[in-house]
């Protein structure tokens, strides 16, 4: 009986690892899709890809937490631009900015600095 429990445990771990790899692959695909969407000026596509990337990162729980502030800021940036251009954006971009700031504050000085640089770039273009 112990053998079957161990075997089942190994199967579940392998299944979880395969799912994890699939999610990471989707994150990478959305990350590399964004520059082409920007080039083609597909703003709603950028919003969708940034949100999908963020949602995938969140599915990995604590595995890629260091990437979350930048992913929240990426979603904020595209949503804020779309909202300013009067696109029909249902969610408030400020939610994403605030989540990025909260995480940056939690993670420390390096993340706070990166958050501030990105926010200034979004708001003032530099």
Protein backbone atom coordinates (compact mmCIF):
# COMPACT_ATOMS: atom_id res chain seq x y z
CA UNK A 1 0.00 0.00 0.00
CA UNK A 2 2.81 2.42 0.87
CA UNK A 3 4.29 1.92 -2.61
CA UNK A 4 1.02 3.02 -4.26
CA UNK A 5 0.78 6.12 -2.05
CA UNK A 6 4.35 7.04 -2.97
CA UNK A 7 3.69 6.37 -6.65
CA UNK A 8 0.52 8.49 -6.55
CA UNK A 9 2.44 11.29 -4.84
CA UNK A 10 5.13 11.20 -7.52
CA UNK A 11 2.48 11.25 -10.27
CA UNK A 12 0.79 14.30 -8.71
CA UNK A 13 4.12 16.11 -8.34
CA UNK A 14 4.97 15.41 -11.99
CA UNK A 15 1.54 16.59 -13.10
CA UNK A 16 1.94 19.81 -11.09
CA UNK A 17 5.42 20.37 -12.56
CA UNK A 18 4.06 19.96 -16.10
CA UNK A 19 1.24 22.43 -15.38
CA UNK A 20 3.80 24.85 -13.91
CA UNK A 21 5.93 24.59 -17.07
CA UNK A 22 2.87 25.22 -19.23
CA UNK A 23 1.99 28.36 -17.26
CA UNK A 24 5.58 29.64 -17.48
CA UNK A 25 5.52 29.04 -21.24
CA UNK A 26 2.29 31.07 -21.54
CA UNK A 27 3.83 33.87 -19.45
CA UNK A 28 6.83 33.94 -21.78
CA UNK A 29 4.59 33.93 -24.87
CA UNK A 30 2.58 36.91 -23.61
CA UNK A 31 5.76 38.73 -22.61
CA UNK A 32 7.22 38.37 -26.11
CA UNK A 33 3.88 39.17 -27.76
CA UNK A 34 3.73 42.66 -26.23
CA UNK A 35 6.42 44.34 -28.41
CA UNK A 36 4.68 43.25 -31.61
CA UNK A 37 1.33 44.47 -30.26
CA UNK A 38 2.93 47.82 -29.40
CA UNK A 39 4.48 48.02 -32.88
CA UNK A 40 1.12 47.38 -34.52
CA UNK A 41 -0.52 49.88 -32.13
CA UNK A 42 -2.97 47.25 -30.87
CA UNK A 43 -3.66 48.87 -27.51
CA UNK A 44 -6.49 46.55 -26.50
CA UNK A 45 -4.28 43.61 -27.44
CA UNK A 46 -1.59 45.06 -25.15
CA UNK A 47 -4.08 45.39 -22.31
CA UNK A 48 -5.24 41.80 -22.79
CA UNK A 49 -1.71 40.38 -23.02
CA UNK A 50 -0.50 42.32 -19.97
CA UNK A 51 -3.50 41.21 -17.93
CA UNK A 52 -3.13 37.60 -19.05
CA UNK A 53 0.57 37.63 -18.17
CA UNK A 54 -0.24 39.04 -14.73
CA UNK A 55 -3.00 36.50 -14.11
CA UNK A 56 -0.66 33.66 -15.09
CA UNK A 57 2.02 34.96 -12.72
CA UNK A 58 -0.56 35.04 -9.93
CA UNK A 59 -1.45 31.40 -10.62
CA UNK A 60 2.12 30.42 -9.75
CA UNK A 61 1.54 31.60 -6.18
CA UNK A 62 4.86 32.57 -4.64
CA UNK A 63 7.17 31.22 -7.35
CA UNK A 64 7.64 34.42 -9.37
CA UNK A 65 6.61 37.03 -6.82
CA UNK A 66 9.56 39.27 -7.69
CA UNK A 67 8.04 39.72 -11.17
CA UNK A 68 4.67 40.90 -9.87
CA UNK A 69 5.38 44.63 -9.32
CA UNK A 70 6.60 45.01 -12.92
CA UNK A 71 3.66 42.98 -14.25
CA UNK A 72 1.17 45.13 -12.32
CA UNK A 73 2.87 48.26 -13.69
CA UNK A 74 2.76 46.89 -17.22
CA UNK A 75 -0.99 46.29 -16.91
CA UNK A 76 -1.42 49.74 -15.34
CA UNK A 77 0.49 51.42 -18.15
CA UNK A 78 -1.56 49.94 -20.99
CA UNK A 79 -4.86 50.35 -19.15
CA UNK A 80 -4.12 53.99 -18.24
CA UNK A 81 -3.23 54.80 -21.86
CA UNK A 82 -6.35 53.05 -23.13
CA UNK A 83 -8.54 54.83 -20.59
CA UNK A 84 -6.99 58.21 -21.49
CA UNK A 85 -7.76 57.50 -25.15
CA UNK A 86 -11.39 56.76 -24.20
CA UNK A 87 -11.25 53.01 -24.82
CA UNK A 88 -13.89 51.05 -22.95
CA UNK A 89 -11.78 49.81 -20.01
CA UNK A 90 -13.93 48.30 -17.28
CA UNK A 91 -11.29 48.06 -14.55
CA UNK A 92 -9.66 50.97 -12.78
CA UNK A 93 -5.96 51.19 -13.74
CA UNK A 94 -5.24 52.69 -10.32
CA UNK A 95 -5.89 49.31 -8.72
CA UNK A 96 -2.91 47.90 -10.64
CA UNK A 97 -0.68 50.85 -9.80
CA UNK A 98 -1.53 50.56 -6.13
CA UNK A 99 -0.86 46.80 -6.08
CA UNK A 100 2.53 47.44 -7.72
CA UNK A 101 3.35 50.10 -5.15
CA UNK A 102 2.26 47.89 -2.24
CA UNK A 103 4.41 45.01 -3.46
CA UNK A 104 7.38 47.27 -4.16
CA UNK A 105 7.14 48.68 -0.64
CA UNK A 106 7.00 45.14 0.73
CA UNK A 107 9.97 43.90 -1.32
CA UNK A 108 12.30 46.80 -0.52
CA UNK A 109 14.38 49.65 -1.90
CA UNK A 110 15.34 48.13 -5.26
CA UNK A 111 11.69 47.46 -6.09
CA UNK A 112 10.56 50.88 -4.84
CA UNK A 113 13.16 52.52 -7.08
CA UNK A 114 12.09 50.46 -10.12
CA UNK A 115 8.44 51.28 -9.38
CA UNK A 116 9.18 55.02 -9.17
CA UNK A 117 11.24 54.99 -12.38
CA UNK A 118 8.47 53.16 -14.27
CA UNK A 119 5.74 55.40 -12.86
CA UNK A 120 7.68 58.53 -13.90
CA UNK A 121 8.20 57.02 -17.33
CA UNK A 122 4.47 56.36 -17.69
CA UNK A 123 3.35 59.73 -16.35
CA UNK A 124 6.03 62.01 -17.78
CA UNK A 125 7.70 60.04 -20.55
CA UNK A 126 11.10 59.92 -18.88
